[in-house]
PDB file of N, CA and C in Angstrom:
ATOM      1  N   MET A   1       0.949  -1.137  -0.023  1.00  0.00           N
ATOM      2  CA  MET A   1      -0.076   0.121  -0.104  1.00  0.00           C
ATOM      3  C   MET A   1       1.110   1.146   0.092  1.00  0.00           C
ATOM      4  N   PRO A   2       1.062   2.044  -1.085  1.00  0.00           N
ATOM      5  CA  PRO A   2       1.713   3.180  -1.284  1.00  0.00           C
ATOM      6  C   PRO A   2       1.043   4.572  -0.531  1.00  0.00           C
ATOM      7  N   THR A   3       1.900   5.168   0.424  1.00  0.00           N
ATOM      8  CA  THR A   3       1.738   6.530   0.613  1.00  0.00           C
ATOM      9  C   THR A   3       2.012   7.532  -0.235  1.00  0.00           C
ATOM     10  N   TYR A   4       1.117   8.226  -0.646  1.00  0.00           N
ATOM     11  CA  TYR A   4       0.975   9.224  -1.488  1.00  0.00           C
ATOM     12  C   TYR A   4       0.929  11.156  -0.886  1.00  0.00           C
ATOM     13  N   GLU A   5       1.513  11.911  -1.507  1.00  0.00           N
ATOM     14  CA  GLU A   5       1.118  13.105  -0.967  1.00  0.00           C
ATOM     15  C   GLU A   5       0.382  13.898  -1.789  1.00  0.00           C
ATOM     16  N   TYR A   6      -0.472  14.752  -1.363  1.00  0.00           N
ATOM     17  CA  TYR A   6      -1.854  15.488  -1.946  1.00  0.00           C
ATOM     18  C   TYR A   6      -1.613  17.066  -1.600  1.00  0.00           C
ATOM     19  N   VAL A   7      -2.048  17.879  -2.210  1.00  0.00           N
ATOM     20  CA  VAL A   7      -2.313  19.419  -1.721  1.00  0.00           C
ATOM     21  C   VAL A   7      -3.858  19.737  -2.264  1.00  0.00           C
ATOM     22  N   CYS A   8      -4.412  20.093  -0.750  1.00  0.00           N
ATOM     23  CA  CYS A   8      -6.044  20.643  -1.185  1.00  0.00           C
ATOM     24  C   CYS A   8      -5.983  21.966  -2.187  1.00  0.00           C
ATOM     25  N   GLU A   9      -6.728  22.019  -3.120  1.00  0.00           N
ATOM     26  CA  GLU A   9      -7.017  22.926  -3.867  1.00  0.00           C
ATOM     27  C   GLU A   9      -7.954  24.264  -3.137  1.00  0.00           C
ATOM     28  N   LYS A  10      -8.608  23.817  -2.127  1.00  0.00           N
ATOM     29  CA  LYS A  10      -9.269  24.490  -1.462  1.00  0.00           C
ATOM     30  C   LYS A  10      -8.454  25.510  -0.266  1.00  0.00           C
ATOM     31  N   CYS A  11      -7.655  24.764   0.701  1.00  0.00           N
ATOM     32  CA  CYS A  11      -6.976  25.474   1.719  1.00  0.00           C
ATOM     33  C   CYS A  11      -5.324  25.364   1.452  1.00  0.00           C
ATOM     34  N   ARG A  12      -4.820  25.056   0.219  1.00  0.00           N
ATOM     35  CA  ARG A  12      -3.701  24.816  -0.186  1.00  0.00           C
ATOM     36  C   ARG A  12      -2.694  23.584   0.802  1.00  0.00           C
ATOM     37  N   HIS A  13      -3.255  22.912   1.726  1.00  0.00           N
ATOM     38  CA  HIS A  13      -2.908  22.024   2.722  1.00  0.00           C
ATOM     39  C   HIS A  13      -2.081  20.950   2.052  1.00  0.00           C
ATOM     40  N   ARG A  14      -0.755  20.482   2.520  1.00  0.00           N
ATOM     41  CA  ARG A  14      -0.050  19.243   1.963  1.00  0.00           C
ATOM     42  C   ARG A  14      -0.171  18.372   2.798  1.00  0.00           C
ATOM     43  N   PHE A  15      -0.585  17.170   2.323  1.00  0.00           N
ATOM     44  CA  PHE A  15      -0.615  16.049   3.351  1.00  0.00           C
ATOM     45  C   PHE A  15      -0.473  14.666   2.749  1.00  0.00           C
ATOM     46  N   GLU A  16      -0.281  13.447   3.551  1.00  0.00           N
ATOM     47  CA  GLU A  16       0.025  12.145   2.887  1.00  0.00           C
ATOM     48  C   GLU A  16      -1.053  11.438   3.324  1.00  0.00           C
ATOM     49  N   VAL A  17      -1.295  10.348   2.539  1.00  0.00           N
ATOM     50  CA  VAL A  17      -2.513   9.476   2.803  1.00  0.00           C
ATOM     51  C   VAL A  17      -1.556   8.005   2.422  1.00  0.00           C
ATOM     52  N   LEU A  18      -2.044   7.188   3.297  1.00  0.00           N
ATOM     53  CA  LEU A  18      -1.611   5.894   2.555  1.00  0.00           C
ATOM     54  C   LEU A  18      -3.145   5.424   1.893  1.00  0.00           C
ATOM     55  N   VAL A  19      -3.012   5.118   0.760  1.00  0.00           N
ATOM     56  CA  VAL A  19      -3.844   4.793  -0.170  1.00  0.00           C
ATOM     57  C   VAL A  19      -3.787   3.115  -0.214  1.00  0.00           C
ATOM     58  N   ARG A  20      -5.058   2.690   0.376  1.00  0.00           N
ATOM     59  CA  ARG A  20      -5.504   0.959   0.368  1.00  0.00           C
ATOM     60  C   ARG A  20      -6.044   0.348  -0.869  1.00  0.00           C
ATOM     61  N   SER A  21      -6.663   1.387  -1.870  1.00  0.00           N
ATOM     62  CA  SER A  21      -7.124   0.973  -3.207  1.00  0.00           C
ATOM     63  C   SER A  21      -7.420   2.230  -4.204  1.00  0.00           C
ATOM     64  N   SER A  22      -7.597   2.134  -5.295  1.00  0.00           N
ATOM     65  CA  SER A  22      -7.395   2.915  -6.202  1.00  0.00           C
ATOM     66  C   SER A  22      -8.593   3.615  -6.410  1.00  0.00           C
ATOM     67  N   SER A  23      -9.959   3.137  -5.618  1.00  0.00           N
ATOM     68  CA  SER A  23     -10.974   3.676  -5.658  1.00  0.00           C
ATOM     69  C   SER A  23     -11.410   4.445  -4.533  1.00  0.00           C
ATOM     70  N   GLN A  24     -10.464   4.641  -3.397  1.00  0.00           N
ATOM     71  CA  GLN A  24     -10.520   5.304  -2.261  1.00  0.00           C
ATOM     72  C   GLN A  24     -10.760   6.384  -2.263  1.00  0.00           C
ATOM     73  N   LYS A  25     -11.496   7.372  -1.987  1.00  0.00           N
ATOM     74  CA  LYS A  25     -11.897   8.826  -1.610  1.00  0.00           C
ATOM     75  C   LYS A  25     -10.963   9.533  -1.043  1.00  0.00           C
ATOM     76  N   ILE A  26     -10.184  10.378  -1.522  1.00  0.00           N
ATOM     77  CA  ILE A  26      -9.554  11.275  -0.586  1.00  0.00           C
ATOM     78  C   ILE A  26      -9.932  12.889  -0.159  1.00  0.00           C
ATOM     79  N   ALA A  27      -9.953  13.140   1.178  1.00  0.00           N
ATOM     80  CA  ALA A  27     -10.239  14.351   1.253  1.00  0.00           C
ATOM     81  C   ALA A  27      -9.154  15.025   2.218  1.00  0.00           C
ATOM     82  N   CYS A  28      -9.160  16.348   1.932  1.00  0.00           N
ATOM     83  CA  CYS A  28      -8.022  17.157   2.911  1.00  0.00           C
ATOM     84  C   CYS A  28      -8.012  17.038   4.020  1.00  0.00           C
ATOM     85  N   THR A  29      -6.985  16.638   4.954  1.00  0.00           N
ATOM     86  CA  THR A  29      -6.925  16.250   6.177  1.00  0.00           C
ATOM     87  C   THR A  29      -7.415  17.721   6.967  1.00  0.00           C
ATOM     88  N   LYS A  30      -7.155  18.625   6.717  1.00  0.00           N
ATOM     89  CA  LYS A  30      -7.354  20.056   7.426  1.00  0.00           C
ATOM     90  C   LYS A  30      -9.045  20.673   7.219  1.00  0.00           C
ATOM     91  N   CYS A  31      -9.249  20.643   5.974  1.00  0.00           N
ATOM     92  CA  CYS A  31     -10.594  21.089   5.915  1.00  0.00           C
ATOM     93  C   CYS A  31     -11.826  20.212   5.259  1.00  0.00           C
ATOM     94  N   LYS A  32     -11.279  18.943   5.193  1.00  0.00           N
ATOM     95  CA  LYS A  32     -12.235  18.015   4.518  1.00  0.00           C
ATOM     96  C   LYS A  32     -12.679  18.338   3.136  1.00  0.00           C
ATOM     97  N   GLY A  33     -12.041  19.159   2.569  1.00  0.00           N
ATOM     98  CA  GLY A  33     -12.069  19.476   0.962  1.00  0.00           C
ATOM     99  C   GLY A  33     -11.952  18.054  -0.061  1.00  0.00           C
ATOM    100  N   LYS A  34     -12.820  18.033  -0.768  1.00  0.00           N
ATOM    101  CA  LYS A  34     -12.526  16.838  -1.640  1.00  0.00           C
ATOM    102  C   LYS A  34     -11.947  17.374  -2.749  1.00  0.00           C
ATOM    103  N   LYS A  35     -11.466  18.322  -3.509  1.00  0.00           N
ATOM    104  CA  LYS A  35     -10.582  18.545  -4.241  1.00  0.00           C
ATOM    105  C   LYS A  35      -9.122  18.545  -4.290  1.00  0.00           C
ATOM    106  N   VAL A  36      -8.638  17.170  -4.068  1.00  0.00           N
ATOM    107  CA  VAL A  36      -7.362  17.520  -4.084  1.00  0.00           C
ATOM    108  C   VAL A  36      -6.439  16.915  -5.079  1.00  0.00           C
ATOM    109  N   THR A  37      -5.316  17.124  -5.473  1.00  0.00           N
ATOM    110  CA  THR A  37      -4.299  16.842  -6.432  1.00  0.00           C
ATOM    111  C   THR A  37      -3.120  16.227  -5.867  1.00  0.00           C
ATOM    112  N   LYS A  38      -2.802  14.806  -6.523  1.00  0.00           N
ATOM    113  CA  LYS A  38      -1.980  14.095  -6.194  1.00  0.00           C
ATOM    114  C   LYS A  38      -0.584  14.706  -6.440  1.00  0.00           C
ATOM    115  N   GLN A  39       0.481  14.583  -5.835  1.00  0.00           N
ATOM    116  CA  GLN A  39       1.739  15.248  -6.031  1.00  0.00           C
ATOM    117  C   GLN A  39       2.924  14.216  -6.421  1.00  0.00           C
ATOM    118  N   TYR A  40       3.801  14.631  -7.407  1.00  0.00           N
ATOM    119  CA  TYR A  40       4.417  13.677  -7.345  1.00  0.00           C
ATOM    120  C   TYR A  40       5.661  14.217  -6.460  1.00  0.00           C
ATOM    121  N   THR A  41       6.587  12.749  -6.016  1.00  0.00           N
ATOM    122  CA  THR A  41       7.910  13.482  -4.681  1.00  0.00           C
ATOM    123  C   THR A  41       8.856  12.618  -5.607  1.00  0.00           C
ATOM    124  N   VAL A  42       9.896  13.196  -5.140  1.00  0.00           N
ATOM    125  CA  VAL A  42      11.068  12.918  -5.531  1.00  0.00           C
ATOM    126  C   VAL A  42      11.949  12.282  -4.323  1.00  0.00           C
ATOM    127  N   PHE A  43      12.568  10.973  -4.221  1.00  0.00           N
ATOM    128  CA  PHE A  43      13.117  10.288  -3.556  1.00  0.00           C
ATOM    129  C   PHE A  43      14.590   9.956  -3.751  1.00  0.00           C
ATOM    130  N   GLY A  44      15.245   9.602  -2.848  1.00  0.00           N
ATOM    131  CA  GLY A  44      16.512   9.127  -2.603  1.00  0.00           C
ATOM    132  C   GLY A  44      17.008   7.519  -2.897  1.00  0.00           C
ATOM    133  N   LEU A  45      17.984   7.565  -3.743  1.00  0.00           N
ATOM    134  CA  LEU A  45      18.388   6.092  -4.036  1.00  0.00           C
ATOM    135  C   LEU A  45      19.775   6.045  -3.900  1.00  0.00           C
ATOM    136  N   ASN A  46      20.353   5.114  -3.116  1.00  0.00           N
ATOM    137  CA  ASN A  46      21.684   4.487  -3.315  1.00  0.00           C
ATOM    138  C   ASN A  46      21.895   3.291  -3.851  1.00  0.00           C
ATOM    139  N   LEU A  47      22.729   3.673  -4.621  1.00  0.00           N
ATOM    140  CA  LEU A  47      23.116   2.365  -5.730  1.00  0.00           C
ATOM    141  C   LEU A  47      24.418   1.785  -5.240  1.00  0.00           C
ATOM    142  N   GLY A  48      24.676   1.797  -3.960  1.00  0.00           N
ATOM    143  CA  GLY A  48      25.676   0.718  -3.396  1.00  0.00           C
ATOM    144  C   GLY A  48      26.911   1.590  -3.164  1.00  0.00           C
ATOM    145  N   ALA A  49      26.900   2.859  -3.184  1.00  0.00           N
ATOM    146  CA  ALA A  49      27.962   3.568  -2.528  1.00  0.00           C
ATOM    147  C   ALA A  49      28.295   3.583  -1.329  1.00  0.00           C
ATOM    148  N   ALA A  50      29.341   3.542  -0.698  1.00  0.00           N
ATOM    149  CA  ALA A  50      29.536   3.370   0.704  1.00  0.00           C
ATOM    150  C   ALA A  50      29.544   4.341   1.449  1.00  0.00           C
ATOM    151  N   PRO A  51      28.662   4.482   2.449  1.00  0.00           N
ATOM    152  CA  PRO A  51      28.154   5.608   3.277  1.00  0.00           C
ATOM    153  C   PRO A  51      29.344   6.386   4.229  1.00  0.00           C
ATOM    154  N   GLU A  52      30.141   5.376   4.857  1.00  0.00           N
ATOM    155  CA  GLU A  52      31.327   5.569   5.712  1.00  0.00           C
ATOM    156  C   GLU A  52      32.085   6.416   4.919  1.00  0.00           C
ATOM    157  N   LYS A  53      32.394   6.520   3.647  1.00  0.00           N
ATOM    158  CA  LYS A  53      33.123   7.442   2.873  1.00  0.00           C
ATOM    159  C   LYS A  53      33.218   9.099   3.272  1.00  0.00           C
ATOM    160  N   GLY A  54      31.805   9.248   3.793  1.00  0.00           N
ATOM    161  CA  GLY A  54      31.506  10.889   3.647  1.00  0.00           C
ATOM    162  C   GLY A  54      30.910  11.674   2.755  1.00  0.00           C
ATOM    163  N   MET A  55      30.414  12.844   2.954  1.00  0.00           N
ATOM    164  CA  MET A  55      29.573  13.523   1.955  1.00  0.00           C
ATOM    165  C   MET A  55      30.819  14.651   1.303  1.00  0.00           C
ATOM    166  N   SER A  56      30.552  14.532  -0.079  1.00  0.00           N
ATOM    167  CA  SER A  56      31.315  15.399  -0.650  1.00  0.00           C
ATOM    168  C   SER A  56      30.501  16.571  -1.743  1.00  0.00           C
ATOM    169  N   GLY A  57      28.874  16.061  -1.373  1.00  0.00           N
ATOM    170  CA  GLY A  57      28.040  17.089  -1.991  1.00  0.00           C
ATOM    171  C   GLY A  57      26.982  17.100  -1.160  1.00  0.00           C
ATOM    172  N   PRO A  58      25.790  17.880  -1.797  1.00  0.00           N
ATOM    173  CA  PRO A  58      24.893  17.963  -1.137  1.00  0.00           C
ATOM    174  C   PRO A  58      24.040  16.940  -0.759  1.00  0.00           C
ATOM    175  N   LEU A  59      23.715  15.774  -1.799  1.00  0.00           N
ATOM    176  CA  LEU A  59      23.405  14.554  -1.970  1.00  0.00           C
ATOM    177  C   LEU A  59      24.330  13.477  -1.952  1.00  0.00           C
ATOM    178  N   CYS A  60      25.288  13.611  -2.191  1.00  0.00           N
ATOM    179  CA  CYS A  60      26.599  12.333  -2.235  1.00  0.00           C
ATOM    180  C   CYS A  60      26.585  11.522  -1.010  1.00  0.00           C
ATOM    181  N   THR A  61      26.423  10.411  -1.061  1.00  0.00           N
ATOM    182  CA  THR A  61      27.019   9.481  -0.283  1.00  0.00           C
ATOM    183  C   THR A  61      28.519   8.716  -0.334  1.00  0.00           C
ATOM    184  N   CYS A  62      29.143   8.989  -1.501  1.00  0.00           N
ATOM    185  CA  CYS A  62      30.160   8.183  -2.037  1.00  0.00           C
ATOM    186  C   CYS A  62      31.453   9.064  -1.565  1.00  0.00           C
ATOM    187  N   GLY A  63      31.336  10.331  -1.476  1.00  0.00           N
ATOM    188  CA  GLY A  63      32.548  10.871  -1.054  1.00  0.00           C
ATOM    189  C   GLY A  63      33.513  11.070  -2.204  1.00  0.00           C
ATOM    190  N   ALA A  64      33.436  10.159  -3.128  1.00  0.00           N
ATOM    191  CA  ALA A  64      34.727   9.961  -4.204  1.00  0.00           C
ATOM    192  C   ALA A  64      34.182  10.560  -5.526  1.00  0.00           C
ATOM    193  N   GLY A  65      33.077  11.009  -5.783  1.00  0.00           N
ATOM    194  CA  GLY A  65      32.503  11.252  -7.336  1.00  0.00           C
ATOM    195  C   GLY A  65      32.204  10.301  -8.012  1.00  0.00           C
ATOM    196  N   GLY A  66      31.794   9.086  -7.570  1.00  0.00           N
ATOM    197  CA  GLY A  66      31.905   7.715  -8.308  1.00  0.00           C
ATOM    198  C   GLY A  66      29.857   7.702  -8.487  1.00  0.00           C
ATOM    199  N   CYS A  67      29.688   7.889  -7.431  1.00  0.00           N
ATOM    200  CA  CYS A  67      28.033   7.399  -7.542  1.00  0.00           C
ATOM    201  C   CYS A  67      27.249   8.080  -8.555  1.00  0.00           C
ATOM    202  N   ALA A  68      25.962   7.787  -8.722  1.00  0.00           N
ATOM    203  CA  ALA A  68      25.277   8.274  -9.906  1.00  0.00           C
ATOM    204  C   ALA A  68      24.747   9.500  -9.384  1.00  0.00           C
ATOM    205  N   ILE A  69      24.794  10.235  -8.386  1.00  0.00           N
ATOM    206  CA  ILE A  69      24.390  11.426  -7.915  1.00  0.00           C
ATOM    207  C   ILE A  69      25.699  12.567  -8.577  1.00  0.00           C
ATOM    208  N   CYS A  70      26.886  11.911  -8.032  1.00  0.00           N
ATOM    209  CA  CYS A  70      28.055  12.596  -8.499  1.00  0.00           C
ATOM    210  C   CYS A  70      27.875  12.876  -9.738  1.00  0.00           C
ATOM    211  N   SER A  71      28.005  11.657 -10.647  1.00  0.00           N
ATOM    212  CA  SER A  71      27.987  11.866 -11.731  1.00  0.00           C
ATOM    213  C   SER A  71      27.232  12.470 -12.913  1.00  0.00           C
ATOM    214  N   ALA A  72      26.097  12.913 -12.248  1.00  0.00           N
ATOM    215  CA  ALA A  72      24.843  13.663 -12.858  1.00  0.00           C
ATOM    216  C   ALA A  72      24.921  15.102 -12.442  1.00  0.00           C
ATOM    217  N   LYS A  73      26.338  15.632 -11.541  1.00  0.00           N
ATOM    218  CA  LYS A  73      26.680  16.926 -11.368  1.00  0.00           C
ATOM    219  C   LYS A  73      25.428  17.655 -10.413  1.00  0.00           C
ATOM    220  N   VAL A  74      24.297  16.799  -9.745  1.00  0.00           N
ATOM    221  CA  VAL A  74      23.120  17.067  -9.130  1.00  0.00           C
ATOM    222  C   VAL A  74      23.891  18.136  -7.608  1.00  0.00           C
TER     223      VAL A  74
END
């Protein structure tokens, strides 16, 4: 069961919901508004870089410039 992030179009409140099925009706957790928009979120991914080497950039965990994040110059 995935967790999705939504924004209420009425009060602009951002909230997360554990969605149990695709037919589940989602309402704002603050104002109970029924017009909400699902947001696309970004997640971090470590592709085997050794975390003990330390940080060399804002998102890097390899410390040597060899991970996907360093190669992308993010």
